[in-house]
Amino acid sequence: MGIYSTVMDAVTEVTGLSPTAFFTIIAMMVVVYKIVCGMFLGPEDFCQKPPKEPVQLGDVTEKELRAYDGSDPRKPLLIAIKGQIYDVSSSKMFYGRGGPYSMFTGRDASRALAMLSFKPEDLTGNIEGLSAEELAVLEDWEYKFMDKYPIVGRVVPVPNTTANGDKVHLQDKDVNGLQHQQQI
């Protein structure tokens, strides 16, 4: 009983609390810690899974890219910058559903990243009319993505066919810089 009473006396002397109050406070702190951690991390975040081999898409249109926006959990999360498509699935808490940057997934986000914008109208690959500073910001984003995420494809224009079956890539841009297919 010598060690027990020495510890209890030390707790009272150091904290000024009774041993019962001291250990109750410690238990409550552990419970609060577990609750708060549970709000931000799920059980799957603690399991280390081997990284998946990124899916190589090749050439896709902007419409096809939209299928990789996080709405289907079986598909990777993809973002394009200046036409290059990056697999950002490893940063699901940022780019997945409900994440702070989820609006960028499934799109070419070049203009929005360059302008540091979250406006839906800026979610386009059109970088015409950007200032030198905005282009420098976009280049920084591009380098960050190159360092961190694998390139899995590139965005290509939607092919049209002529009356004799030849494919053409004619596109017009409206005043907002959005691309539209030209009717032949």
N, C-alpha and C. Protein backbone atom coordinates (compact mmCIF):
# COMPACT_ATOMS: atom_id res chain seq x y z
N MET A 1 0.79 -1.20 0.00
CA MET A 1 0.00 0.00 0.00
C MET A 1 0.84 1.26 0.00
N GLY A 2 2.13 1.15 0.14
CA GLY A 2 3.00 2.30 0.21
C GLY A 2 3.02 3.11 -1.08
N ILE A 3 3.08 2.44 -2.23
CA ILE A 3 3.14 3.14 -3.52
C ILE A 3 1.80 3.82 -3.81
N TYR A 4 0.69 3.11 -3.54
CA TYR A 4 -0.64 3.64 -3.78
C TYR A 4 -0.86 4.94 -3.00
N SER A 5 -0.59 4.91 -1.74
CA SER A 5 -0.81 6.10 -0.92
C SER A 5 0.17 7.21 -1.27
N THR A 6 1.39 6.87 -1.72
CA THR A 6 2.35 7.88 -2.16
C THR A 6 1.85 8.59 -3.42
N VAL A 7 1.31 7.82 -4.38
CA VAL A 7 0.78 8.40 -5.62
C VAL A 7 -0.43 9.27 -5.31
N MET A 8 -1.33 8.79 -4.47
CA MET A 8 -2.53 9.57 -4.15
C MET A 8 -2.17 10.87 -3.42
N ASP A 9 -1.21 10.80 -2.54
CA ASP A 9 -0.76 12.01 -1.85
C ASP A 9 -0.10 12.98 -2.82
N ALA A 10 0.67 12.43 -3.79
CA ALA A 10 1.34 13.29 -4.79
C ALA A 10 0.31 13.97 -5.67
N VAL A 11 -0.74 13.25 -6.07
CA VAL A 11 -1.80 13.85 -6.90
C VAL A 11 -2.44 15.00 -6.16
N THR A 12 -2.77 14.80 -4.89
CA THR A 12 -3.41 15.85 -4.10
C THR A 12 -2.46 17.03 -3.92
N GLU A 13 -1.20 16.75 -3.66
CA GLU A 13 -0.22 17.82 -3.41
C GLU A 13 0.05 18.63 -4.68
N VAL A 14 0.20 17.97 -5.82
CA VAL A 14 0.56 18.67 -7.07
C VAL A 14 -0.63 19.39 -7.68
N THR A 15 -1.80 18.75 -7.70
CA THR A 15 -2.95 19.33 -8.39
C THR A 15 -3.89 20.10 -7.47
N GLY A 16 -3.88 19.77 -6.20
CA GLY A 16 -4.82 20.40 -5.28
C GLY A 16 -6.20 19.76 -5.37
N LEU A 17 -6.32 18.67 -6.12
CA LEU A 17 -7.59 17.95 -6.27
C LEU A 17 -7.54 16.64 -5.52
N SER A 18 -8.71 16.16 -5.18
CA SER A 18 -8.75 14.81 -4.59
C SER A 18 -8.43 13.81 -5.70
N PRO A 19 -7.89 12.66 -5.36
CA PRO A 19 -7.59 11.65 -6.40
C PRO A 19 -8.81 11.29 -7.23
N THR A 20 -9.99 11.22 -6.62
CA THR A 20 -11.22 10.90 -7.36
C THR A 20 -11.51 11.98 -8.40
N ALA A 21 -11.43 13.24 -8.02
CA ALA A 21 -11.69 14.34 -8.95
C ALA A 21 -10.64 14.35 -10.07
N PHE A 22 -9.38 14.13 -9.72
CA PHE A 22 -8.30 14.13 -10.70
C PHE A 22 -8.53 13.06 -11.78
N PHE A 23 -8.80 11.83 -11.36
CA PHE A 23 -8.97 10.75 -12.33
C PHE A 23 -10.29 10.87 -13.10
N THR A 24 -11.30 11.49 -12.51
CA THR A 24 -12.55 11.76 -13.23
C THR A 24 -12.29 12.76 -14.35
N ILE A 25 -11.52 13.80 -14.05
CA ILE A 25 -11.19 14.80 -15.08
C ILE A 25 -10.37 14.16 -16.20
N ILE A 26 -9.42 13.31 -15.87
CA ILE A 26 -8.61 12.62 -16.89
C ILE A 26 -9.51 11.76 -17.77
N ALA A 27 -10.43 11.02 -17.18
CA ALA A 27 -11.35 10.16 -17.95
C ALA A 27 -12.22 11.00 -18.87
N MET A 28 -12.71 12.14 -18.39
CA MET A 28 -13.54 13.01 -19.22
C MET A 28 -12.73 13.58 -20.38
N MET A 29 -11.47 13.92 -20.16
CA MET A 29 -10.62 14.44 -21.23
C MET A 29 -10.42 13.39 -22.32
N VAL A 30 -10.23 12.14 -21.93
CA VAL A 30 -10.07 11.06 -22.91
C VAL A 30 -11.34 10.90 -23.74
N VAL A 31 -12.50 10.93 -23.09
CA VAL A 31 -13.78 10.80 -23.80
C VAL A 31 -13.98 11.95 -24.78
N VAL A 32 -13.73 13.17 -24.35
CA VAL A 32 -13.87 14.33 -25.24
C VAL A 32 -12.91 14.22 -26.42
N TYR A 33 -11.69 13.81 -26.17
CA TYR A 33 -10.70 13.62 -27.24
C TYR A 33 -11.21 12.62 -28.27
N LYS A 34 -11.74 11.49 -27.81
CA LYS A 34 -12.26 10.46 -28.72
C LYS A 34 -13.43 10.99 -29.54
N ILE A 35 -14.31 11.74 -28.92
CA ILE A 35 -15.47 12.29 -29.62
C ILE A 35 -15.02 13.28 -30.69
N VAL A 36 -14.14 14.19 -30.33
CA VAL A 36 -13.67 15.21 -31.28
C VAL A 36 -12.91 14.55 -32.44
N CYS A 37 -12.06 13.59 -32.16
CA CYS A 37 -11.34 12.89 -33.23
C CYS A 37 -12.30 12.16 -34.14
N GLY A 38 -13.34 11.59 -33.58
CA GLY A 38 -14.34 10.89 -34.38
C GLY A 38 -15.10 11.79 -35.32
N MET A 39 -15.15 13.06 -35.02
CA MET A 39 -15.84 14.01 -35.89
C MET A 39 -15.05 14.28 -37.17
N PHE A 40 -13.76 14.10 -37.15
CA PHE A 40 -12.92 14.45 -38.28
C PHE A 40 -12.33 13.25 -39.01
N LEU A 41 -12.19 12.14 -38.34
CA LEU A 41 -11.59 10.96 -38.94
C LEU A 41 -12.52 9.78 -38.79
N GLY A 42 -12.66 8.99 -39.85
CA GLY A 42 -13.43 7.77 -39.77
C GLY A 42 -12.51 6.59 -39.55
N PRO A 43 -13.07 5.45 -39.23
CA PRO A 43 -12.24 4.26 -38.99
C PRO A 43 -11.37 3.89 -40.19
N GLU A 44 -11.88 4.16 -41.40
CA GLU A 44 -11.09 3.83 -42.60
C GLU A 44 -9.84 4.67 -42.73
N ASP A 45 -9.82 5.84 -42.08
CA ASP A 45 -8.64 6.70 -42.13
C ASP A 45 -7.47 6.13 -41.32
N PHE A 46 -7.78 5.24 -40.38
CA PHE A 46 -6.73 4.66 -39.56
C PHE A 46 -6.13 3.41 -40.19
N CYS A 47 -6.83 2.83 -41.15
CA CYS A 47 -6.34 1.62 -41.81
C CYS A 47 -5.45 2.02 -42.98
N GLN A 48 -4.24 1.54 -42.98
CA GLN A 48 -3.32 1.84 -44.08
C GLN A 48 -3.53 0.83 -45.19
N LYS A 49 -4.12 1.27 -46.29
CA LYS A 49 -4.33 0.40 -47.44
C LYS A 49 -3.20 0.66 -48.42
N PRO A 50 -2.78 -0.38 -49.13
CA PRO A 50 -1.75 -0.13 -50.14
C PRO A 50 -2.31 0.79 -51.21
N PRO A 51 -1.50 1.72 -51.71
CA PRO A 51 -2.02 2.65 -52.72
C PRO A 51 -2.42 1.90 -53.99
N LYS A 52 -3.56 2.31 -54.57
CA LYS A 52 -4.02 1.71 -55.81
C LYS A 52 -3.21 2.25 -56.97
N GLU A 53 -3.06 1.41 -57.97
CA GLU A 53 -2.43 1.85 -59.21
C GLU A 53 -3.40 2.80 -59.89
N PRO A 54 -2.97 4.01 -60.28
CA PRO A 54 -3.91 4.95 -60.90
C PRO A 54 -4.44 4.42 -62.22
N VAL A 55 -5.71 4.70 -62.47
CA VAL A 55 -6.35 4.31 -63.72
C VAL A 55 -5.85 5.23 -64.82
N GLN A 56 -5.36 4.66 -65.90
CA GLN A 56 -4.92 5.47 -67.03
C GLN A 56 -6.10 5.66 -67.98
N LEU A 57 -6.60 6.89 -68.09
CA LEU A 57 -7.76 7.17 -68.92
C LEU A 57 -7.40 7.46 -70.36
N GLY A 58 -6.26 8.08 -70.59
CA GLY A 58 -5.93 8.51 -71.94
C GLY A 58 -6.66 9.80 -72.26
N ASP A 59 -7.15 9.92 -73.48
CA ASP A 59 -7.84 11.13 -73.92
C ASP A 59 -9.33 11.04 -73.59
N VAL A 60 -9.85 12.05 -72.90
CA VAL A 60 -11.28 12.12 -72.58
C VAL A 60 -11.78 13.54 -72.83
N THR A 61 -13.06 13.64 -73.05
CA THR A 61 -13.68 14.96 -73.23
C THR A 61 -14.04 15.51 -71.85
N GLU A 62 -14.37 16.80 -71.81
CA GLU A 62 -14.78 17.40 -70.53
C GLU A 62 -16.03 16.72 -70.00
N LYS A 63 -16.94 16.34 -70.87
CA LYS A 63 -18.16 15.66 -70.44
C LYS A 63 -17.83 14.30 -69.82
N GLU A 64 -16.91 13.56 -70.41
CA GLU A 64 -16.50 12.27 -69.86
C GLU A 64 -15.77 12.44 -68.52
N LEU A 65 -15.01 13.52 -68.38
CA LEU A 65 -14.28 13.80 -67.14
C LEU A 65 -15.23 14.02 -65.97
N ARG A 66 -16.40 14.55 -66.23
CA ARG A 66 -17.36 14.86 -65.15
C ARG A 66 -17.82 13.61 -64.39
N ALA A 67 -17.66 12.44 -64.99
CA ALA A 67 -18.04 11.19 -64.32
C ALA A 67 -17.12 10.88 -63.15
N TYR A 68 -16.01 11.58 -63.05
CA TYR A 68 -15.00 11.33 -62.00
C TYR A 68 -15.01 12.44 -60.95
N ASP A 69 -16.22 12.87 -60.56
CA ASP A 69 -16.38 13.97 -59.62
C ASP A 69 -16.60 13.53 -58.18
N GLY A 70 -16.51 12.24 -57.91
CA GLY A 70 -16.69 11.74 -56.56
C GLY A 70 -18.09 11.21 -56.29
N SER A 71 -19.01 11.35 -57.24
CA SER A 71 -20.36 10.85 -57.02
C SER A 71 -20.42 9.33 -57.02
N ASP A 72 -19.48 8.68 -57.70
CA ASP A 72 -19.39 7.22 -57.71
C ASP A 72 -18.14 6.83 -56.92
N PRO A 73 -18.30 6.23 -55.72
CA PRO A 73 -17.13 5.93 -54.90
C PRO A 73 -16.18 4.89 -55.51
N ARG A 74 -16.62 4.18 -56.54
CA ARG A 74 -15.75 3.19 -57.18
C ARG A 74 -14.81 3.83 -58.19
N LYS A 75 -15.07 5.07 -58.57
CA LYS A 75 -14.23 5.76 -59.56
C LYS A 75 -13.24 6.68 -58.85
N PRO A 76 -12.09 6.88 -59.48
CA PRO A 76 -11.11 7.80 -58.88
C PRO A 76 -11.57 9.25 -58.97
N LEU A 77 -10.99 10.10 -58.14
CA LEU A 77 -11.25 11.54 -58.18
C LEU A 77 -10.24 12.16 -59.14
N LEU A 78 -10.73 12.88 -60.15
CA LEU A 78 -9.84 13.44 -61.16
C LEU A 78 -10.06 14.94 -61.29
N ILE A 79 -8.95 15.66 -61.50
CA ILE A 79 -8.98 17.10 -61.77
C ILE A 79 -8.03 17.36 -62.92
N ALA A 80 -8.44 18.24 -63.82
CA ALA A 80 -7.57 18.62 -64.93
C ALA A 80 -7.04 20.04 -64.71
N ILE A 81 -5.78 20.21 -65.07
CA ILE A 81 -5.16 21.54 -65.09
C ILE A 81 -4.46 21.67 -66.43
N LYS A 82 -4.84 22.72 -67.16
CA LYS A 82 -4.28 22.97 -68.49
C LYS A 82 -4.35 21.71 -69.36
N GLY A 83 -5.46 20.99 -69.25
CA GLY A 83 -5.70 19.83 -70.10
C GLY A 83 -5.12 18.53 -69.59
N GLN A 84 -4.21 18.57 -68.61
CA GLN A 84 -3.64 17.35 -68.03
C GLN A 84 -4.54 16.88 -66.89
N ILE A 85 -4.88 15.60 -66.87
CA ILE A 85 -5.77 15.06 -65.85
C ILE A 85 -4.95 14.38 -64.76
N TYR A 86 -5.22 14.76 -63.51
CA TYR A 86 -4.51 14.22 -62.35
C TYR A 86 -5.46 13.40 -61.49
N ASP A 87 -4.97 12.28 -60.97
CA ASP A 87 -5.73 11.45 -60.05
C ASP A 87 -5.46 11.95 -58.63
N VAL A 88 -6.45 12.61 -58.03
CA VAL A 88 -6.30 13.20 -56.69
C VAL A 88 -6.98 12.34 -55.62
N SER A 89 -7.21 11.07 -55.93
CA SER A 89 -7.90 10.17 -54.99
C SER A 89 -7.18 10.04 -53.66
N SER A 90 -5.87 10.21 -53.66
CA SER A 90 -5.11 10.10 -52.41
C SER A 90 -5.43 11.24 -51.44
N SER A 91 -6.08 12.29 -51.92
CA SER A 91 -6.47 13.42 -51.05
C SER A 91 -7.99 13.52 -51.00
N LYS A 92 -8.62 12.40 -50.73
CA LYS A 92 -10.08 12.31 -50.71
C LYS A 92 -10.71 13.29 -49.73
N MET A 93 -10.04 13.55 -48.60
CA MET A 93 -10.65 14.46 -47.62
C MET A 93 -10.70 15.91 -48.13
N PHE A 94 -9.89 16.24 -49.13
CA PHE A 94 -9.94 17.58 -49.72
C PHE A 94 -10.82 17.62 -50.97
N TYR A 95 -10.70 16.61 -51.83
CA TYR A 95 -11.36 16.63 -53.13
C TYR A 95 -12.58 15.73 -53.22
N GLY A 96 -12.82 14.86 -52.24
CA GLY A 96 -13.97 13.98 -52.25
C GLY A 96 -15.24 14.71 -51.88
N ARG A 97 -16.37 14.01 -51.96
CA ARG A 97 -17.67 14.59 -51.62
C ARG A 97 -17.63 15.24 -50.24
N GLY A 98 -18.06 16.49 -50.17
CA GLY A 98 -18.08 17.22 -48.92
C GLY A 98 -16.77 17.89 -48.56
N GLY A 99 -15.72 17.63 -49.34
CA GLY A 99 -14.42 18.25 -49.08
C GLY A 99 -14.41 19.70 -49.52
N PRO A 100 -13.47 20.48 -49.02
CA PRO A 100 -13.46 21.91 -49.34
C PRO A 100 -13.18 22.22 -50.82
N TYR A 101 -12.55 21.29 -51.54
CA TYR A 101 -12.23 21.52 -52.95
C TYR A 101 -12.96 20.54 -53.86
N SER A 102 -14.05 19.96 -53.39
CA SER A 102 -14.77 18.96 -54.17
C SER A 102 -15.36 19.54 -55.46
N MET A 103 -15.60 20.84 -55.49
CA MET A 103 -16.18 21.44 -56.70
C MET A 103 -15.22 21.37 -57.89
N PHE A 104 -13.91 21.15 -57.64
CA PHE A 104 -12.94 21.08 -58.72
C PHE A 104 -12.88 19.70 -59.37
N THR A 105 -13.33 18.66 -58.67
CA THR A 105 -13.19 17.30 -59.20
C THR A 105 -14.13 17.09 -60.37
N GLY A 106 -13.62 16.32 -61.32
CA GLY A 106 -14.40 16.03 -62.52
C GLY A 106 -14.40 17.17 -63.52
N ARG A 107 -13.50 18.11 -63.37
CA ARG A 107 -13.47 19.29 -64.25
C ARG A 107 -12.04 19.72 -64.54
N ASP A 108 -11.91 20.55 -65.57
CA ASP A 108 -10.65 21.26 -65.79
C ASP A 108 -10.79 22.56 -65.00
N ALA A 109 -10.04 22.67 -63.92
CA ALA A 109 -10.19 23.78 -62.98
C ALA A 109 -9.12 24.86 -63.18
N SER A 110 -8.53 24.93 -64.36
CA SER A 110 -7.40 25.83 -64.59
C SER A 110 -7.73 27.29 -64.25
N ARG A 111 -8.81 27.81 -64.80
CA ARG A 111 -9.15 29.22 -64.58
C ARG A 111 -9.43 29.49 -63.10
N ALA A 112 -10.19 28.62 -62.46
CA ALA A 112 -10.54 28.82 -61.04
C ALA A 112 -9.28 28.80 -60.17
N LEU A 113 -8.37 27.87 -60.44
CA LEU A 113 -7.14 27.81 -59.65
C LEU A 113 -6.27 29.04 -59.88
N ALA A 114 -6.18 29.49 -61.13
CA ALA A 114 -5.37 30.66 -61.45
C ALA A 114 -5.91 31.91 -60.74
N MET A 115 -7.24 32.01 -60.68
CA MET A 115 -7.87 33.18 -60.09
C MET A 115 -8.14 33.00 -58.60
N LEU A 116 -7.79 31.82 -58.06
CA LEU A 116 -8.09 31.48 -56.67
C LEU A 116 -9.57 31.71 -56.40
N SER A 117 -10.41 31.17 -57.30
CA SER A 117 -11.84 31.42 -57.29
C SER A 117 -12.62 30.14 -57.03
N PHE A 118 -13.72 30.27 -56.32
CA PHE A 118 -14.65 29.17 -56.10
C PHE A 118 -15.96 29.40 -56.85
N LYS A 119 -15.98 30.35 -57.78
CA LYS A 119 -17.19 30.64 -58.54
C LYS A 119 -17.39 29.56 -59.61
N PRO A 120 -18.61 29.05 -59.74
CA PRO A 120 -18.87 28.01 -60.74
C PRO A 120 -18.52 28.43 -62.16
N GLU A 121 -18.70 29.71 -62.48
CA GLU A 121 -18.40 30.16 -63.84
C GLU A 121 -16.91 30.15 -64.15
N ASP A 122 -16.06 30.07 -63.13
CA ASP A 122 -14.62 30.01 -63.34
C ASP A 122 -14.09 28.58 -63.46
N LEU A 123 -14.96 27.59 -63.31
CA LEU A 123 -14.55 26.19 -63.42
C LEU A 123 -14.48 25.79 -64.89
N THR A 124 -13.42 26.23 -65.53
CA THR A 124 -13.22 25.95 -66.95
C THR A 124 -11.73 25.85 -67.24
N GLY A 125 -11.43 25.22 -68.34
CA GLY A 125 -10.04 25.12 -68.77
C GLY A 125 -9.58 26.32 -69.57
N ASN A 126 -10.47 27.26 -69.83
CA ASN A 126 -10.14 28.44 -70.63
C ASN A 126 -9.30 29.40 -69.80
N ILE A 127 -8.06 29.62 -70.24
CA ILE A 127 -7.18 30.53 -69.50
C ILE A 127 -6.91 31.82 -70.27
N GLU A 128 -7.69 32.04 -71.32
CA GLU A 128 -7.54 33.29 -72.09
C GLU A 128 -7.90 34.48 -71.22
N GLY A 129 -7.13 35.55 -71.36
CA GLY A 129 -7.41 36.79 -70.66
C GLY A 129 -6.90 36.84 -69.22
N LEU A 130 -6.20 35.81 -68.78
CA LEU A 130 -5.64 35.85 -67.42
C LEU A 130 -4.40 36.74 -67.40
N SER A 131 -4.18 37.39 -66.27
CA SER A 131 -3.01 38.26 -66.12
C SER A 131 -1.76 37.41 -65.93
N ALA A 132 -0.61 38.04 -66.02
CA ALA A 132 0.66 37.34 -65.82
C ALA A 132 0.74 36.76 -64.40
N GLU A 133 0.21 37.50 -63.42
CA GLU A 133 0.22 37.02 -62.04
C GLU A 133 -0.66 35.78 -61.89
N GLU A 134 -1.84 35.81 -62.52
CA GLU A 134 -2.74 34.66 -62.45
C GLU A 134 -2.14 33.44 -63.15
N LEU A 135 -1.46 33.66 -64.26
CA LEU A 135 -0.80 32.55 -64.94
C LEU A 135 0.34 31.97 -64.10
N ALA A 136 1.02 32.83 -63.34
CA ALA A 136 2.07 32.35 -62.44
C ALA A 136 1.47 31.51 -61.31
N VAL A 137 0.32 31.94 -60.79
CA VAL A 137 -0.37 31.18 -59.75
C VAL A 137 -0.78 29.81 -60.31
N LEU A 138 -1.30 29.80 -61.53
CA LEU A 138 -1.69 28.53 -62.17
C LEU A 138 -0.48 27.62 -62.35
N GLU A 139 0.64 28.19 -62.74
CA GLU A 139 1.86 27.40 -62.90
C GLU A 139 2.29 26.78 -61.57
N ASP A 140 2.16 27.53 -60.48
CA ASP A 140 2.48 26.98 -59.15
C ASP A 140 1.57 25.80 -58.83
N TRP A 141 0.26 25.95 -59.10
CA TRP A 141 -0.67 24.85 -58.87
C TRP A 141 -0.28 23.63 -59.72
N GLU A 142 0.06 23.90 -60.97
CA GLU A 142 0.42 22.81 -61.87
C GLU A 142 1.63 22.04 -61.34
N TYR A 143 2.65 22.75 -60.87
CA TYR A 143 3.84 22.10 -60.32
C TYR A 143 3.50 21.29 -59.06
N LYS A 144 2.62 21.85 -58.21
CA LYS A 144 2.21 21.12 -57.01
C LYS A 144 1.51 19.82 -57.38
N PHE A 145 0.61 19.90 -58.37
CA PHE A 145 -0.11 18.70 -58.79
C PHE A 145 0.84 17.69 -59.44
N MET A 146 1.79 18.17 -60.23
CA MET A 146 2.76 17.27 -60.88
C MET A 146 3.58 16.51 -59.83
N ASP A 147 3.96 17.21 -58.76
CA ASP A 147 4.76 16.59 -57.71
C ASP A 147 3.97 15.58 -56.89
N LYS A 148 2.69 15.85 -56.68
CA LYS A 148 1.92 15.06 -55.72
C LYS A 148 1.02 13.99 -56.34
N TYR A 149 0.51 14.22 -57.56
CA TYR A 149 -0.49 13.32 -58.13
C TYR A 149 -0.06 12.79 -59.50
N PRO A 150 -0.46 11.55 -59.81
CA PRO A 150 -0.12 11.00 -61.12
C PRO A 150 -1.00 11.57 -62.23
N ILE A 151 -0.41 11.76 -63.39
CA ILE A 151 -1.15 12.18 -64.57
C ILE A 151 -1.76 10.93 -65.18
N VAL A 152 -3.08 10.96 -65.43
CA VAL A 152 -3.77 9.77 -65.93
C VAL A 152 -4.41 9.98 -67.30
N GLY A 153 -4.28 11.16 -67.87
CA GLY A 153 -4.87 11.41 -69.17
C GLY A 153 -4.83 12.88 -69.52
N ARG A 154 -5.58 13.21 -70.56
CA ARG A 154 -5.69 14.62 -70.95
C ARG A 154 -7.07 14.89 -71.51
N VAL A 155 -7.49 16.13 -71.40
CA VAL A 155 -8.79 16.56 -71.90
C VAL A 155 -8.64 16.94 -73.37
N VAL A 156 -9.54 16.41 -74.19
CA VAL A 156 -9.54 16.70 -75.63
C VAL A 156 -10.91 17.25 -76.02
N PRO A 157 -10.97 18.01 -77.11
CA PRO A 157 -12.27 18.53 -77.57
C PRO A 157 -13.17 17.39 -78.05
N VAL A 158 -14.47 17.65 -78.04
CA VAL A 158 -15.44 16.68 -78.52
C VAL A 158 -15.33 16.60 -80.04
N PRO A 159 -15.12 15.41 -80.59
CA PRO A 159 -15.04 15.30 -82.05
C PRO A 159 -16.43 15.35 -82.69
N ASN A 160 -16.52 16.06 -83.79
CA ASN A 160 -17.73 16.08 -84.62
C ASN A 160 -17.43 15.34 -85.90
N THR A 161 -18.46 14.91 -86.56
CA THR A 161 -18.25 14.25 -87.85
C THR A 161 -18.96 15.03 -88.94
N THR A 162 -18.37 15.04 -90.12
CA THR A 162 -18.97 15.70 -91.27
C THR A 162 -19.91 14.71 -91.95
N ALA A 163 -20.56 15.15 -93.00
CA ALA A 163 -21.51 14.31 -93.73
C ALA A 163 -20.84 13.06 -94.28
N ASN A 164 -19.54 13.14 -94.65
CA ASN A 164 -18.85 11.97 -95.20
C ASN A 164 -18.14 11.16 -94.12
N GLY A 165 -18.36 11.49 -92.81
CA GLY A 165 -17.81 10.68 -91.73
C GLY A 165 -16.46 11.15 -91.19
N ASP A 166 -15.90 12.22 -91.76
CA ASP A 166 -14.62 12.72 -91.25
C ASP A 166 -14.82 13.40 -89.90
N LYS A 167 -13.89 13.19 -89.00
CA LYS A 167 -13.97 13.83 -87.68
C LYS A 167 -13.32 15.20 -87.73
N VAL A 168 -13.99 16.18 -87.15
CA VAL A 168 -13.45 17.53 -87.04
C VAL A 168 -13.56 17.98 -85.60
N HIS A 169 -12.74 18.91 -85.19
CA HIS A 169 -12.74 19.45 -83.84
C HIS A 169 -12.99 20.95 -83.90
N LEU A 170 -14.14 21.34 -84.37
CA LEU A 170 -14.46 22.76 -84.46
C LEU A 170 -15.19 23.18 -83.20
N GLN A 171 -14.71 24.26 -82.59
CA GLN A 171 -15.36 24.78 -81.41
C GLN A 171 -15.33 26.30 -81.45
N ASP A 172 -16.39 26.88 -80.95
CA ASP A 172 -16.46 28.33 -80.79
C ASP A 172 -16.45 28.63 -79.30
N LYS A 173 -16.06 29.84 -78.96
CA LYS A 173 -16.10 30.27 -77.56
C LYS A 173 -17.03 31.46 -77.45
N ASP A 174 -17.88 31.43 -76.44
CA ASP A 174 -18.79 32.56 -76.25
C ASP A 174 -18.06 33.67 -75.49
N VAL A 175 -18.78 34.72 -75.16
CA VAL A 175 -18.15 35.87 -74.52
C VAL A 175 -17.59 35.55 -73.15
N ASN A 176 -18.08 34.48 -72.51
CA ASN A 176 -17.57 34.07 -71.20
C ASN A 176 -16.38 33.13 -71.32
N GLY A 177 -15.99 32.80 -72.55
CA GLY A 177 -14.87 31.90 -72.73
C GLY A 177 -15.27 30.43 -72.69
N LEU A 178 -16.58 30.15 -72.59
CA LEU A 178 -17.03 28.78 -72.56
C LEU A 178 -17.06 28.22 -73.98
N GLN A 179 -16.70 26.96 -74.11
CA GLN A 179 -16.62 26.36 -75.43
C GLN A 179 -17.95 25.74 -75.82
N HIS A 180 -18.31 25.89 -77.10
CA HIS A 180 -19.51 25.30 -77.66
C HIS A 180 -19.15 24.67 -78.99
N GLN A 181 -19.76 23.54 -79.28
CA GLN A 181 -19.52 22.87 -80.55
C GLN A 181 -20.17 23.67 -81.67
N GLN A 182 -19.47 23.78 -82.78
CA GLN A 182 -20.01 24.47 -83.94
C GLN A 182 -20.77 23.45 -84.77
N GLN A 183 -21.96 23.81 -85.20
CA GLN A 183 -22.77 22.93 -86.04
C GLN A 183 -22.25 22.97 -87.47
N ILE A 184 -22.14 21.80 -88.07
CA ILE A 184 -21.64 21.74 -89.46
C ILE A 184 -22.80 21.40 -90.37
